Amino acid sequence: MPATQRIPTQIVENKVIVWDPADGSKLYSNGFYGKPLGIRKPKTTEFDRPSQLSFFEALHLLRKGTIEIFIEDPKAPLDERRLIAIAEEHHQDFSRKYQVYEDLRKRGFVVRPGLKFGADFAVYRQGPGIDHSLFIVEVIAKSDEVSAIEVVRAGRLATSVRKRFVLATSTEKGKIRYFVFSWIKP
């Protein structure tokens, strides 16, 4: 595949699908982007089935020029603005959460969905299957009120799965601030 050729992906309902297994395997092996359909915990980077990207991954890869995205007509790829509009329909506060996703990726982390931990993201140093996630990250608006009970609940969950709980928010200047919580056993 020439370096300038982008990997085609398709939005189907609320999913971004990489139909070609070789392309999905390439994305997964180059940053753990996506996940093969029907495989809960991939043990290898080579797949024989289509993969699914999150909207966060799709926007990141679109901005990098790695993929192109279409809905029905492969000759009519979506632009960034249209992808964000679709993602906003499926994810509350998508744009705010994407800022955190992008910042973590720029810092060299592998960022995966954190739903199974009750958070927005699970963050790895190397990647799933290689190491365990270090952090679970919940993205909040600067104006959000967070109760002590919510912080304790999230912190206890994170501690029970050997992770640190992180709240992330953006400042007025677009910088991301992270608040890391550690629980100490008496």
Protein backbone atom coordinates (compact mmCIF):
# COMPACT_ATOMS: atom_id res chain seq x y z
CA MET A 1 0.00 0.00 0.00
CA PRO A 2 1.53 3.37 -0.97
CA ALA A 3 2.22 5.68 1.98
CA THR A 4 -0.21 8.31 0.65
CA GLN A 5 -3.15 5.90 0.33
CA ARG A 6 -5.53 6.23 3.24
CA ILE A 7 -7.25 3.26 4.83
CA PRO A 8 -10.97 3.31 4.01
CA THR A 9 -13.39 3.10 6.93
CA GLN A 10 -17.17 3.27 7.05
CA ILE A 11 -19.63 4.61 9.59
CA VAL A 12 -22.32 2.02 10.18
CA GLU A 13 -24.89 3.16 12.74
CA ASN A 14 -22.72 4.28 15.67
CA LYS A 15 -19.56 2.40 14.67
CA VAL A 16 -16.55 3.19 12.49
CA ILE A 17 -15.67 -0.05 10.70
CA VAL A 18 -12.41 -1.04 9.03
CA TRP A 19 -13.66 -3.75 6.68
CA ASP A 20 -10.32 -5.06 5.45
CA PRO A 21 -8.78 -7.29 8.15
CA ALA A 22 -5.25 -6.46 6.95
CA ASP A 23 -5.93 -2.73 7.35
CA GLY A 24 -7.45 -3.26 10.80
CA SER A 25 -4.44 -5.34 11.83
CA LYS A 26 -2.10 -2.62 10.58
CA LEU A 27 -3.88 0.05 12.64
CA TYR A 28 -3.90 -2.15 15.73
CA SER A 29 -0.22 -3.02 15.45
CA ASN A 30 0.71 0.65 14.91
CA GLY A 31 -0.73 2.13 18.10
CA PHE A 32 -3.50 -0.23 19.21
CA TYR A 33 -6.14 1.62 17.21
CA GLY A 34 -9.45 -0.21 16.99
CA LYS A 35 -10.44 -3.68 18.01
CA PRO A 36 -11.40 -6.71 15.92
CA LEU A 37 -15.11 -7.42 15.92
CA GLY A 38 -16.02 -10.40 18.07
CA ILE A 39 -12.65 -10.70 19.83
CA ARG A 40 -12.85 -9.41 23.39
CA LYS A 41 -9.14 -9.51 24.26
CA PRO A 42 -6.95 -9.77 21.16
CA LYS A 43 -3.89 -11.94 21.76
CA THR A 44 -2.19 -10.97 18.49
CA THR A 45 -2.05 -8.00 16.13
CA GLU A 46 -3.10 -10.08 13.11
CA PHE A 47 -6.86 -10.47 12.58
CA ASP A 48 -9.03 -12.28 10.08
CA ARG A 49 -12.08 -10.08 10.61
CA PRO A 50 -13.13 -6.42 10.38
CA SER A 51 -12.23 -4.00 13.16
CA GLN A 52 -14.09 -1.22 14.90
CA LEU A 53 -12.61 2.19 15.73
CA SER A 54 -13.98 4.51 18.38
CA PHE A 55 -14.97 7.96 17.17
CA PHE A 56 -12.00 9.31 19.16
CA GLU A 57 -9.60 7.03 17.31
CA ALA A 58 -11.27 7.78 13.98
CA LEU A 59 -10.91 11.55 14.38
CA HIS A 60 -7.30 11.18 15.52
CA LEU A 61 -6.42 8.97 12.54
CA LEU A 62 -8.35 11.21 10.13
CA ARG A 63 -6.35 14.21 11.32
CA LYS A 64 -3.12 12.25 10.86
CA GLY A 65 -4.13 11.40 7.29
CA THR A 66 -4.12 7.66 8.02
CA ILE A 67 -7.77 6.90 7.24
CA GLU A 68 -10.67 8.25 5.27
CA ILE A 69 -14.24 7.80 6.39
CA PHE A 70 -17.40 7.44 4.37
CA ILE A 71 -21.01 6.58 5.15
CA GLU A 72 -22.37 5.03 1.95
CA ASP A 73 -20.28 6.20 -0.99
CA PRO A 74 -16.53 5.47 -0.74
CA LYS A 75 -15.97 8.26 -3.26
CA ALA A 76 -17.53 10.80 -0.87
CA PRO A 77 -15.32 10.79 2.24
CA LEU A 78 -16.35 12.80 5.28
CA ASP A 79 -14.41 15.83 6.38
CA GLU A 80 -13.38 16.44 9.98
CA ARG A 81 -16.28 18.78 10.69
CA ARG A 82 -18.89 16.22 9.59
CA LEU A 83 -17.24 13.43 11.58
CA ILE A 84 -17.29 15.58 14.73
CA ALA A 85 -20.99 16.35 14.18
CA ILE A 86 -21.78 12.63 13.91
CA ALA A 87 -19.61 11.78 16.94
CA GLU A 88 -21.38 14.49 18.99
CA GLU A 89 -24.68 12.69 18.29
CA HIS A 90 -23.31 9.51 19.90
CA HIS A 91 -21.04 10.85 22.67
CA GLN A 92 -21.97 13.50 25.19
CA ASP A 93 -19.23 16.17 25.27
CA PHE A 94 -17.31 14.47 22.45
CA SER A 95 -15.19 17.52 21.61
CA ARG A 96 -14.07 18.06 25.21
CA LYS A 97 -13.27 14.38 25.62
CA TYR A 98 -11.42 14.33 22.31
CA GLN A 99 -9.11 17.11 23.55
CA VAL A 100 -8.07 14.84 26.42
CA TYR A 101 -7.76 11.82 24.11
CA GLU A 102 -5.50 13.75 21.75
CA ASP A 103 -3.38 15.17 24.60
CA LEU A 104 -2.81 11.70 26.06
CA ARG A 105 -1.87 10.31 22.62
CA LYS A 106 0.59 13.19 22.09
CA ARG A 107 2.16 12.28 25.43
CA GLY A 108 2.83 8.79 24.08
CA PHE A 109 0.09 6.88 25.85
CA VAL A 110 -2.23 4.30 24.32
CA VAL A 111 -5.79 5.40 25.01
CA ARG A 112 -8.64 2.91 24.93
CA PRO A 113 -12.32 3.18 25.90
CA GLY A 114 -12.72 3.02 29.68
CA LEU A 115 -16.36 1.96 29.86
CA LYS A 116 -15.62 -1.32 31.64
CA PHE A 117 -13.99 0.75 34.40
CA GLY A 118 -16.83 3.27 34.54
CA ALA A 119 -14.69 6.03 33.00
CA ASP A 120 -14.12 7.69 29.65
CA PHE A 121 -10.69 6.21 28.97
CA ALA A 122 -8.27 3.52 30.10
CA VAL A 123 -4.67 4.66 29.56
CA TYR A 124 -1.72 2.34 28.87
CA ARG A 125 1.99 3.03 28.64
CA GLN A 126 2.58 0.31 26.02
CA GLY A 127 -0.79 -1.17 25.11
CA PRO A 128 -3.43 -3.76 25.98
CA GLY A 129 -2.04 -7.26 26.22
CA ILE A 130 1.47 -5.88 26.83
CA ASP A 131 0.86 -4.07 30.11
CA HIS A 132 -2.11 -3.19 32.27
CA SER A 133 -3.66 0.24 32.03
CA LEU A 134 -2.14 2.71 34.48
CA PHE A 135 -5.01 5.15 34.75
CA ILE A 136 -8.71 5.42 34.25
CA VAL A 137 -9.63 8.91 33.14
CA GLU A 138 -12.92 10.73 33.56
CA VAL A 139 -13.27 13.98 31.58
CA ILE A 140 -15.23 16.78 33.21
CA ALA A 141 -16.04 20.37 32.32
CA LYS A 142 -14.40 23.02 34.43
CA SER A 143 -17.88 24.06 35.57
CA ASP A 144 -18.95 20.52 36.57
CA GLU A 145 -19.56 19.83 40.21
CA VAL A 146 -18.06 16.60 41.44
CA SER A 147 -19.17 15.29 44.79
CA ALA A 148 -16.83 13.70 47.31
CA ILE A 149 -18.91 10.52 47.07
CA GLU A 150 -18.33 10.35 43.28
CA VAL A 151 -14.57 10.79 43.75
CA VAL A 152 -14.43 8.14 46.48
CA ARG A 153 -16.54 5.71 44.42
CA ALA A 154 -14.35 6.16 41.33
CA GLY A 155 -11.16 6.03 43.39
CA ARG A 156 -12.17 2.83 45.14
CA LEU A 157 -13.03 1.20 41.83
CA ALA A 158 -9.71 2.30 40.33
CA THR A 159 -7.81 1.02 43.35
CA SER A 160 -9.63 -2.33 43.24
CA VAL A 161 -8.40 -2.86 39.66
CA ARG A 162 -4.90 -1.46 40.45
CA LYS A 163 -5.20 1.79 38.57
CA ARG A 164 -5.06 5.44 39.41
CA PHE A 165 -8.18 7.54 39.05
CA VAL A 166 -7.71 10.74 37.05
CA LEU A 167 -10.05 13.66 36.46
CA ALA A 168 -9.21 15.66 33.35
CA THR A 169 -10.45 19.09 32.33
CA SER A 170 -9.38 21.81 29.93
CA THR A 171 -8.40 25.35 30.92
CA GLU A 172 -9.47 28.58 29.24
CA LYS A 173 -6.30 28.44 27.12
CA GLY A 174 -7.04 24.91 25.91
CA LYS A 175 -4.48 23.21 28.14
CA ILE A 176 -5.51 19.96 29.78
CA ARG A 177 -5.23 19.68 33.56
CA TYR A 178 -5.06 16.30 35.21
CA PHE A 179 -5.95 15.58 38.82
CA VAL A 180 -4.56 12.22 39.93
CA PHE A 181 -5.99 10.55 43.02
CA SER A 182 -4.10 7.98 45.05
CA TRP A 183 -5.57 5.94 47.85
CA ILE A 184 -3.32 4.89 50.68
CA LYS A 185 -4.22 1.89 52.76
CA PRO A 186 -3.77 2.52 56.50
